[in-house]
Protein backbone atom coordinates (compact mmCIF):
# COMPACT_ATOMS: atom_id res chain seq x y z
CA MET A 1 -16.76 9.42 70.41
CA ASN A 2 -17.57 11.22 67.18
CA ALA A 3 -21.34 11.49 66.87
CA ALA A 4 -21.17 10.77 63.17
CA GLN A 5 -19.26 7.55 63.63
CA SER A 6 -21.26 4.81 61.97
CA PRO A 7 -21.73 1.92 61.98
CA TYR A 8 -21.36 1.38 65.71
CA PRO A 9 -20.64 -2.04 67.28
CA GLY A 10 -23.92 -3.61 68.36
CA ARG A 11 -24.55 -5.83 71.36
CA TRP A 12 -26.79 -8.82 72.07
CA TRP A 13 -26.11 -11.22 69.20
CA HIS A 14 -24.46 -14.58 68.55
CA LEU A 15 -23.38 -16.69 65.58
CA LEU A 16 -25.39 -19.78 64.69
CA GLY A 17 -24.03 -23.11 63.60
CA ASP A 18 -25.29 -22.58 60.05
CA GLY A 19 -23.26 -19.37 59.69
CA ARG A 20 -26.06 -16.92 60.24
CA LEU A 21 -25.93 -14.26 62.95
CA GLN A 22 -28.87 -14.03 65.35
CA CYS A 23 -29.87 -10.75 66.96
CA ASP A 24 -30.80 -11.33 70.61
CA LEU A 25 -32.24 -7.88 71.34
CA CYS A 26 -35.94 -8.60 70.83
CA PRO A 27 -38.19 -11.65 70.37
CA ARG A 28 -38.03 -11.38 66.59
CA ASP A 29 -34.66 -13.17 66.82
CA CYS A 30 -33.66 -12.03 63.33
CA LYS A 31 -31.18 -14.42 61.70
CA LEU A 32 -28.94 -12.61 59.26
CA HIS A 33 -26.59 -13.42 56.42
CA GLU A 34 -23.74 -11.03 55.63
CA GLY A 35 -25.06 -7.58 54.75
CA GLN A 36 -28.62 -8.28 55.83
CA ARG A 37 -30.55 -5.97 58.14
CA GLY A 38 -32.98 -7.01 60.84
CA ALA A 39 -36.71 -6.30 60.71
CA CYS A 40 -36.00 -3.00 62.50
CA PHE A 41 -33.81 -1.99 59.52
CA VAL A 42 -31.16 -0.29 61.67
CA ARG A 43 -29.30 -3.33 63.02
CA GLN A 44 -27.15 -4.96 60.35
CA ARG A 45 -24.62 -7.75 59.95
CA ILE A 46 -21.31 -6.46 58.65
CA ASP A 47 -18.10 -8.52 58.67
CA ASP A 48 -19.58 -11.22 60.91
CA ARG A 49 -20.68 -8.83 63.63
CA MET A 50 -23.76 -6.82 64.51
CA VAL A 51 -23.65 -3.06 64.03
CA LEU A 52 -26.06 -0.23 64.84
CA THR A 53 -26.28 1.98 61.76
CA THR A 54 -28.03 4.94 63.44
CA TYR A 55 -25.69 5.69 66.36
CA GLY A 56 -25.28 9.46 66.68
CA ARG A 57 -27.92 10.18 64.03
CA SER A 58 -31.38 11.57 64.73
CA SER A 59 -34.54 12.51 62.88
CA GLY A 60 -34.59 15.71 64.94
CA PHE A 61 -34.63 17.19 68.45
CA CYS A 62 -37.53 19.03 70.09
CA LEU A 63 -38.51 20.41 73.46
CA ASP A 64 -41.89 18.95 74.48
CA PRO A 65 -44.04 19.02 77.60
CA ILE A 66 -43.46 15.85 79.62
CA GLU A 67 -47.23 15.26 79.46
CA LYS A 68 -46.90 14.58 75.73
CA LYS A 69 -44.97 11.31 76.24
CA PRO A 70 -47.48 10.81 77.98
CA LEU A 71 -46.21 11.01 81.57
CA ASN A 72 -48.52 12.77 84.03
CA HIS A 73 -46.77 11.78 87.26
CA PHE A 74 -43.13 12.48 86.35
CA PHE A 75 -42.26 16.07 87.24
CA PRO A 76 -45.50 17.54 85.85
CA GLY A 77 -45.15 20.73 83.87
CA SER A 78 -41.49 20.17 83.03
CA SER A 79 -39.95 20.18 79.58
CA VAL A 80 -38.25 17.18 78.02
CA LEU A 81 -35.74 17.12 75.17
CA SER A 82 -37.12 14.49 72.79
CA PHE A 83 -35.49 12.67 69.92
CA GLY A 84 -35.60 9.47 67.91
CA THR A 85 -33.81 7.83 65.01
CA ALA A 86 -35.45 5.65 62.35
CA GLY A 87 -36.87 2.16 62.13
CA CYS A 88 -38.86 -0.03 64.54
CA ASN A 89 -38.96 -3.67 65.61
CA LEU A 90 -42.75 -3.76 65.36
CA ALA A 91 -44.89 -3.47 62.24
CA CYS A 92 -47.96 -1.64 63.49
CA LYS A 93 -50.46 -1.06 60.71
CA PHE A 94 -51.84 1.91 62.67
CA CYS A 95 -48.49 3.57 63.42
CA GLN A 96 -48.96 7.24 64.30
CA ASN A 97 -45.28 8.05 63.61
CA TRP A 98 -44.88 5.89 60.52
CA ASP A 99 -42.85 8.46 58.57
CA ILE A 100 -40.07 7.98 61.14
CA SER A 101 -40.53 4.41 62.36
CA LYS A 102 -40.95 2.99 58.85
CA SER A 103 -38.29 5.14 57.23
CA ARG A 104 -35.73 3.33 55.12
CA ASP A 105 -34.03 6.55 54.11
CA MET A 106 -30.96 7.21 56.22
CA ASP A 107 -30.62 10.62 54.58
CA ARG A 108 -33.51 11.85 56.73
CA LEU A 109 -31.28 11.35 59.80
CA MET A 110 -29.50 14.62 59.24
CA ASP A 111 -29.14 15.72 62.87
CA LEU A 112 -25.84 14.38 64.18
CA ALA A 113 -25.14 14.46 67.90
CA GLY A 114 -23.17 12.43 70.39
CA PRO A 115 -24.27 11.66 73.95
CA ASP A 116 -22.40 14.56 75.57
CA GLN A 117 -23.82 17.06 73.07
CA ILE A 118 -27.38 15.89 73.72
CA ALA A 119 -26.96 16.09 77.49
CA ALA A 120 -25.44 19.56 77.16
CA ALA A 121 -28.33 20.71 74.98
CA ALA A 122 -30.87 19.47 77.52
CA ALA A 123 -29.05 21.27 80.32
CA ALA A 124 -28.86 24.49 78.31
CA ALA A 125 -32.61 24.32 77.61
CA GLY A 126 -33.40 23.80 81.29
CA SER A 127 -35.02 20.40 80.66
CA LYS A 128 -35.30 17.98 83.56
CA SER A 129 -35.13 14.99 81.25
CA VAL A 130 -34.31 13.56 77.83
CA ALA A 131 -36.81 11.25 76.12
CA PHE A 132 -36.04 8.52 73.61
CA THR A 133 -39.21 8.59 71.54
CA TYR A 134 -40.84 9.00 68.08
CA ASN A 135 -39.53 5.53 67.19
CA ASP A 136 -38.80 2.75 69.67
CA PRO A 137 -35.51 3.23 71.57
CA VAL A 138 -35.16 -0.53 71.98
CA ILE A 139 -33.66 -0.71 68.49
CA PHE A 140 -31.08 2.01 69.21
CA ALA A 141 -30.44 0.83 72.77
CA GLU A 142 -26.66 1.30 72.64
CA TYR A 143 -27.04 4.95 71.62
CA ALA A 144 -29.81 5.60 74.18
CA MET A 145 -27.81 4.01 76.99
CA ASP A 146 -24.74 6.13 76.23
CA VAL A 147 -26.91 9.27 76.11
CA ALA A 148 -28.42 8.24 79.45
CA ASP A 149 -24.97 8.00 81.04
CA ALA A 150 -24.09 11.48 79.77
CA CYS A 151 -27.40 12.86 81.04
CA HIS A 152 -27.03 11.34 84.49
CA ALA A 153 -23.57 12.88 84.77
CA ARG A 154 -25.32 16.27 84.48
CA GLY A 155 -28.24 15.43 86.77
CA ILE A 156 -30.67 15.04 83.88
CA ARG A 157 -33.18 12.18 83.93
CA THR A 158 -34.00 9.83 81.08
CA VAL A 159 -37.31 8.60 79.66
CA ALA A 160 -38.05 5.66 77.36
CA VAL A 161 -41.23 5.72 75.27
CA THR A 162 -41.49 2.17 74.03
CA ALA A 163 -43.59 -0.82 73.04
CA GLY A 164 -41.62 -2.89 75.55
CA TYR A 165 -40.88 -5.67 73.05
CA MET A 166 -37.45 -6.99 74.03
CA HIS A 167 -35.64 -9.94 75.56
CA ASP A 168 -34.86 -10.19 79.26
CA ALA A 169 -31.06 -9.70 79.26
CA PRO A 170 -31.00 -6.49 77.17
CA ARG A 171 -34.12 -5.32 79.01
CA ARG A 172 -32.25 -5.41 82.31
CA GLU A 173 -29.27 -3.52 80.93
CA PHE A 174 -31.39 -0.96 79.11
CA TYR A 175 -33.70 -0.05 81.98
CA ALA A 176 -30.81 0.20 84.41
CA LYS A 177 -30.13 3.47 82.57
CA MET A 178 -33.73 4.80 82.55
CA ASP A 179 -35.57 6.89 85.13
CA ALA A 180 -39.06 6.65 83.63
CA ALA A 181 -40.89 4.74 80.93
CA ASN A 182 -44.17 4.96 79.13
CA VAL A 183 -44.93 1.53 77.70
CA ASP A 184 -47.52 1.04 74.97
CA LEU A 185 -49.86 -1.78 75.88
CA LYS A 186 -51.37 -1.79 72.42
CA GLY A 187 -54.14 -4.27 73.08
CA PHE A 188 -54.84 -7.29 75.22
CA THR A 189 -55.10 -10.21 72.80
CA ASP A 190 -52.47 -12.09 70.86
CA GLU A 191 -54.70 -11.84 67.80
CA PHE A 192 -54.45 -8.04 67.92
CA TYR A 193 -50.69 -8.10 68.41
CA VAL A 194 -50.02 -10.65 65.67
CA LYS A 195 -52.36 -9.20 63.04
CA LEU A 196 -51.83 -5.50 63.65
CA THR A 197 -48.32 -5.19 65.09
CA GLY A 198 -46.44 -8.26 63.83
CA SER A 199 -45.44 -9.12 67.39
CA THR A 200 -46.87 -10.95 70.43
CA LEU A 201 -48.37 -9.82 73.72
CA GLN A 202 -46.50 -11.81 76.38
CA PRO A 203 -43.07 -10.13 76.06
CA VAL A 204 -44.76 -6.76 76.60
CA LEU A 205 -46.51 -8.03 79.73
CA ASP A 206 -43.17 -9.38 80.92
CA THR A 207 -41.58 -5.95 80.46
CA LEU A 208 -44.37 -4.27 82.39
CA LYS A 209 -44.09 -6.68 85.32
CA TYR A 210 -40.30 -6.38 85.32
CA LEU A 211 -40.41 -2.59 85.41
CA ARG A 212 -43.01 -2.53 88.16
CA HIS A 213 -41.57 -5.16 90.47
CA GLU A 214 -37.82 -5.31 89.81
CA THR A 215 -36.78 -1.70 89.10
CA ASP A 216 -37.17 1.83 90.42
CA VAL A 217 -38.13 3.11 86.96
CA TRP A 218 -41.26 5.25 87.11
CA LEU A 219 -43.85 3.50 84.92
CA GLU A 220 -46.92 4.72 83.06
CA VAL A 221 -48.91 2.79 80.45
CA ALA A 222 -50.60 4.00 77.27
CA THR A 223 -53.21 2.27 75.12
CA LEU A 224 -54.24 3.71 71.76
CA LEU A 225 -57.90 2.80 71.34
CA ILE A 226 -58.74 1.85 67.76
CA PRO A 227 -62.43 1.56 66.80
CA THR A 228 -63.53 -2.11 66.49
CA LYS A 229 -60.00 -3.41 67.06
CA ASN A 230 -59.23 -3.13 70.79
CA ASP A 231 -62.02 -1.01 72.29
CA SER A 232 -64.64 -3.57 73.36
CA ASP A 233 -65.81 -3.57 76.97
CA GLU A 234 -64.62 -7.16 77.33
CA GLU A 235 -61.05 -6.41 76.26
CA LEU A 236 -60.89 -3.22 78.30
CA ILE A 237 -62.08 -5.07 81.41
CA GLN A 238 -59.44 -7.76 80.87
CA LEU A 239 -56.67 -5.20 80.32
CA THR A 240 -57.49 -3.04 83.33
CA LYS A 241 -58.15 -6.01 85.60
CA TRP A 242 -54.71 -7.39 84.65
CA MET A 243 -53.08 -4.04 85.40
CA ALA A 244 -54.75 -3.77 88.80
CA THR A 245 -53.78 -7.33 89.71
CA GLU A 246 -50.29 -7.58 88.22
CA LEU A 247 -49.01 -3.99 88.39
CA GLY A 248 -51.06 -2.48 91.20
CA ASP A 249 -53.72 0.19 91.33
CA ASP A 250 -51.39 3.20 91.20
CA VAL A 251 -49.73 2.79 87.78
CA PRO A 252 -51.18 5.56 85.60
CA LEU A 253 -53.00 4.44 82.46
CA HIS A 254 -53.56 6.68 79.44
CA PHE A 255 -56.26 5.90 76.88
CA THR A 256 -55.45 7.86 73.73
CA ALA A 257 -57.42 8.57 70.57
CA TYR A 258 -56.46 7.01 67.25
CA HIS A 259 -56.47 8.99 64.03
CA PRO A 260 -56.48 7.23 60.63
CA ASP A 261 -52.94 6.73 59.40
CA TYR A 262 -50.47 4.46 57.61
CA LYS A 263 -52.00 1.11 56.56
CA LEU A 264 -55.06 1.30 58.78
CA ASP A 265 -56.52 4.49 57.41
CA GLY A 266 -60.01 3.19 56.62
CA LEU A 267 -61.30 3.48 60.18
CA PRO A 268 -62.77 6.58 61.80
CA SER A 269 -60.97 8.50 64.52
CA THR A 270 -61.68 7.35 68.06
CA PRO A 271 -64.73 9.16 69.48
CA ALA A 272 -64.21 10.96 72.78
CA SER A 273 -67.06 8.87 74.18
CA THR A 274 -64.96 5.71 73.73
CA LEU A 275 -62.15 7.19 75.83
CA THR A 276 -64.63 8.22 78.51
CA ARG A 277 -66.13 4.72 78.54
CA ALA A 278 -62.69 3.10 78.79
CA ARG A 279 -61.73 5.44 81.65
CA LYS A 280 -64.92 4.55 83.53
CA ILE A 281 -64.19 0.83 83.12
CA ALA A 282 -60.61 1.23 84.37
CA ILE A 283 -61.70 3.21 87.43
CA GLY A 284 -64.34 0.55 88.07
CA GLU A 285 -61.58 -2.08 88.11
CA GLY A 286 -59.82 -0.11 90.84
CA LEU A 287 -57.18 1.93 88.98
CA LYS A 288 -56.54 5.27 90.71
CA TYR A 289 -55.01 7.29 87.88
CA VAL A 290 -56.70 6.95 84.49
CA TYR A 291 -56.39 9.55 81.75
CA THR A 292 -57.71 10.31 78.28
CA GLY A 293 -55.41 11.73 75.62
CA ASN A 294 -55.39 13.36 72.17
CA VAL A 295 -58.70 15.03 73.06
CA HIS A 296 -59.83 18.05 75.06
CA ASP A 297 -61.24 16.43 78.21
CA SER A 298 -60.64 18.29 81.44
CA GLU A 299 -61.89 15.49 83.69
CA GLY A 300 -59.96 12.85 81.76
CA GLY A 301 -56.81 14.97 81.99
CA THR A 302 -57.05 15.70 85.72
CA THR A 303 -55.10 13.98 88.47
CA PHE A 304 -57.49 13.41 91.37
CA CYS A 305 -56.39 12.85 94.95
CA PRO A 306 -57.02 9.20 95.86
CA GLY A 307 -57.69 10.35 99.42
CA CYS A 308 -60.12 13.28 99.31
CA GLY A 309 -61.03 13.27 95.61
CA THR A 310 -59.89 16.83 94.93
CA GLY A 311 -58.65 17.67 91.44
CA LEU A 312 -54.95 18.22 92.18
CA ILE A 313 -53.53 18.71 88.68
CA VAL A 314 -56.14 20.04 86.28
CA ARG A 315 -55.09 19.81 82.64
CA ASP A 316 -56.45 20.75 79.25
CA TRP A 317 -54.51 18.54 76.84
CA HIS A 318 -50.87 19.37 77.75
CA ARG A 319 -51.66 22.62 79.55
CA ILE A 320 -51.71 22.62 83.38
CA LEU A 321 -54.46 24.92 84.66
CA VAL A 322 -54.38 24.10 88.40
CA TYR A 323 -51.61 22.53 90.52
CA ARG A 324 -52.21 21.51 94.15
CA VAL A 325 -49.35 19.07 94.88
CA SER A 326 -46.56 19.69 97.38
CA PRO A 327 -42.91 19.28 96.35
CA GLU A 328 -42.99 15.99 98.27
CA GLY A 329 -45.83 14.73 96.05
CA ARG A 330 -48.72 15.10 98.50
CA CYS A 331 -52.19 16.57 98.23
CA THR A 332 -52.01 20.10 99.67
CA GLY A 333 -55.48 19.56 101.15
CA CYS A 334 -55.50 16.21 102.95
CA GLY A 335 -51.82 15.23 102.72
CA THR A 336 -52.37 11.98 100.82
CA ALA A 337 -49.27 10.89 98.88
CA LEU A 338 -49.54 10.60 95.09
CA ALA A 339 -47.72 7.92 93.16
CA GLY A 340 -45.02 9.41 90.96
CA ARG A 341 -41.95 11.61 90.92
CA PHE A 342 -42.48 15.21 91.99
CA GLY A 343 -40.48 18.27 92.97
CA ARG A 344 -40.84 22.02 93.21
CA PHE A 345 -43.46 23.11 90.68
CA GLU A 346 -42.29 25.96 88.47
CA GLU A 347 -43.78 27.75 85.49
CA PRO A 348 -45.23 24.91 83.38
CA PHE A 349 -43.75 24.42 79.93
CA GLY A 350 -47.20 24.13 78.38
CA PRO A 351 -48.39 22.82 74.99
CA ARG A 352 -45.37 23.92 72.99
CA ARG A 353 -43.09 22.09 70.59
CA ILE A 354 -39.76 23.84 70.08
CA PRO A 355 -37.25 22.41 67.57
CA VAL A 356 -33.69 22.33 68.89
CA SER A 357 -30.56 22.48 66.78
CA ILE A 358 -27.55 20.71 68.25
CA ARG A 359 -24.28 21.90 66.82
CA THR A 360 -21.53 19.38 66.23
CA SER A 361 -17.86 20.22 66.00
């Protein structure tokens, strides 16, 4: 289809008895009169149907290191073609990408590209995967799923970077098209989710358990630690204990540093010591792969062998300094298998960000 075609027929909705249209994509369950948009801004009721207003429109395309998503166990060192649209179904007061996720200006979506063009661009760049990121792909699921089909036709994998806030039926259809996901577990109390994100915790936990136990999607989890909001020992123990019990000890967890932004700009940046403390707690609860992010921390960025303890992938931020993993995903020393998706290690992409222009015809 023409990448610029908009609006695009949306899925997952039904008409109510009072004449309103309910969106069934996420637990917000937005109920819309004619012309109204959902809380995400990009799903709109037009002529008694739901449409996606951002299909084929992007805020930009870039080549990133896969570690930036962050994914440390999904073809380490590879590049990923990343893009997003606008809008979000959460209302995080600490949003680190607020200029995109909170945008109400469709004119900023100047990059037009259809699924086949995006897949072709990824192939031409030598990327192993395409990531739906910057804003949450849940809200542009139809577009992301079509791009995923085009990517898979070329042998290119797909990655969702998401808050995981969606209903069960669309969740099953969406993740059937994904090869990997990094899910933000933003905190571990409903109070945090309600007050700071405008959502609730349980649907996110449901998504995590679904991905882990009912799919082959490679899963990693990220938690942005915000001073005084979600960084207490008690909450970190609860979060990591839940992960170890409900997801298993081999799902990688990334603790990342907050920087003041958007509506929560009165707090200090997260000290590196907080990330180190959180990592120690998580390891103490039995998690095998725990990382620190948005800081220079060689130990917190290293993948250690769960068998012999050797540092197998030594990183400085998004730069790989040492790599000791076989193409089959085993420690080259003791042969212990690592959790993840691995292959032949080539020249790592490194800490670069390369804008990509996709030509439309």
